[in-house]
Amino acid sequence: MKQVPEKPNISLQEAKAHYQLSSENHKIEGGESHLAYYRDKHPQNYRTLLNYYSN
């Protein structure tokens, strides 16, 4: 996974909206889940969501 800053520059609301839109447009290739795809392609947004749901 790529190194990302500790404090993402995206709000929780923006990250949620982006994840939802990405989910609607994601086509499963080779069994890769959307979450794994999102984690790899959008690490900063993923960290924002992870921090929120981990607390």
C-alpha atoms as a PDB file:
ATOM      1  CA  MET A   1       0.000   0.000   0.000  1.00  0.00           C
ATOM      2  CA  LYS A   2       1.184   3.515  -0.766  1.00  0.00           C
ATOM      3  CA  GLN A   3       2.375   5.846   1.975  1.00  0.00           C
ATOM      4  CA  VAL A   4      -0.256   8.486   2.731  1.00  0.00           C
ATOM      5  CA  PRO A   5      -0.162  11.527   4.979  1.00  0.00           C
ATOM      6  CA  GLU A   6      -1.365  11.042   8.543  1.00  0.00           C
ATOM      7  CA  LYS A   7      -3.988  13.781   8.161  1.00  0.00           C
ATOM      8  CA  PRO A   8      -5.921  13.401   4.893  1.00  0.00           C
ATOM      9  CA  ASN A   9      -6.988  16.543   3.044  1.00  0.00           C
ATOM     10  CA  ILE A  10     -10.507  15.257   2.420  1.00  0.00           C
ATOM     11  CA  SER A  11     -13.552  15.501   4.642  1.00  0.00           C
ATOM     12  CA  LEU A  12     -15.458  12.461   5.806  1.00  0.00           C
ATOM     13  CA  GLN A  13     -18.497  13.499   3.767  1.00  0.00           C
ATOM     14  CA  GLU A  14     -16.378  13.854   0.619  1.00  0.00           C
ATOM     15  CA  ALA A  15     -14.749  10.477   1.212  1.00  0.00           C
ATOM     16  CA  LYS A  16     -18.127   8.771   1.729  1.00  0.00           C
ATOM     17  CA  ALA A  17     -19.566  10.325  -1.433  1.00  0.00           C
ATOM     18  CA  HIS A  18     -16.478   9.425  -3.442  1.00  0.00           C
ATOM     19  CA  TYR A  19     -16.530   5.830  -2.176  1.00  0.00           C
ATOM     20  CA  GLN A  20     -20.211   5.458  -3.074  1.00  0.00           C
ATOM     21  CA  LEU A  21     -19.683   6.843  -6.571  1.00  0.00           C
ATOM     22  CA  SER A  22     -16.630   4.660  -7.050  1.00  0.00           C
ATOM     23  CA  SER A  23     -18.596   1.624  -5.872  1.00  0.00           C
ATOM     24  CA  GLU A  24     -21.324   2.266  -8.438  1.00  0.00           C
ATOM     25  CA  ASN A  25     -18.751   2.483 -11.234  1.00  0.00           C
ATOM     26  CA  HIS A  26     -16.482  -0.365 -10.094  1.00  0.00           C
ATOM     27  CA  LYS A  27     -16.417  -3.499 -12.178  1.00  0.00           C
ATOM     28  CA  ILE A  28     -15.090  -6.576 -10.381  1.00  0.00           C
ATOM     29  CA  GLU A  29     -12.043  -7.915 -12.199  1.00  0.00           C
ATOM     30  CA  GLY A  30     -10.395 -11.122 -11.128  1.00  0.00           C
ATOM     31  CA  GLY A  31     -12.316 -11.314  -7.876  1.00  0.00           C
ATOM     32  CA  GLU A  32     -10.903  -8.054  -6.518  1.00  0.00           C
ATOM     33  CA  SER A  33     -13.353  -6.481  -4.097  1.00  0.00           C
ATOM     34  CA  HIS A  34     -14.244  -2.835  -4.383  1.00  0.00           C
ATOM     35  CA  LEU A  35     -12.769  -2.187  -0.938  1.00  0.00           C
ATOM     36  CA  ALA A  36      -9.377  -3.608  -1.968  1.00  0.00           C
ATOM     37  CA  TYR A  37      -9.501  -1.617  -5.196  1.00  0.00           C
ATOM     38  CA  TYR A  38     -10.429   1.566  -3.331  1.00  0.00           C
ATOM     39  CA  ARG A  39      -7.687   1.049  -0.734  1.00  0.00           C
ATOM     40  CA  ASP A  40      -5.066   0.757  -3.472  1.00  0.00           C
ATOM     41  CA  LYS A  41      -6.329   3.484  -5.813  1.00  0.00           C
ATOM     42  CA  HIS A  42      -7.462   6.073  -3.254  1.00  0.00           C
ATOM     43  CA  PRO A  43      -5.379   5.537  -0.100  1.00  0.00           C
ATOM     44  CA  GLN A  44      -6.018   8.985   1.352  1.00  0.00           C
ATOM     45  CA  ASN A  45      -9.792   8.636   1.099  1.00  0.00           C
ATOM     46  CA  TYR A  46      -9.585   5.060   2.372  1.00  0.00           C
ATOM     47  CA  ARG A  47      -7.686   6.214   5.455  1.00  0.00           C
ATOM     48  CA  THR A  48     -10.333   8.876   6.169  1.00  0.00           C
ATOM     49  CA  LEU A  49     -13.070   6.238   6.073  1.00  0.00           C
ATOM     50  CA  LEU A  50     -10.989   3.752   8.049  1.00  0.00           C
ATOM     51  CA  ASN A  51     -10.295   6.288  10.789  1.00  0.00           C
ATOM     52  CA  TYR A  52     -13.976   7.141  11.050  1.00  0.00           C
ATOM     53  CA  TYR A  53     -15.235   3.557  11.202  1.00  0.00           C
ATOM     54  CA  SER A  54     -12.435   2.425  13.536  1.00  0.00           C
ATOM     55  CA  ASN A  55     -13.500   4.832  16.292  1.00  0.00           C
END
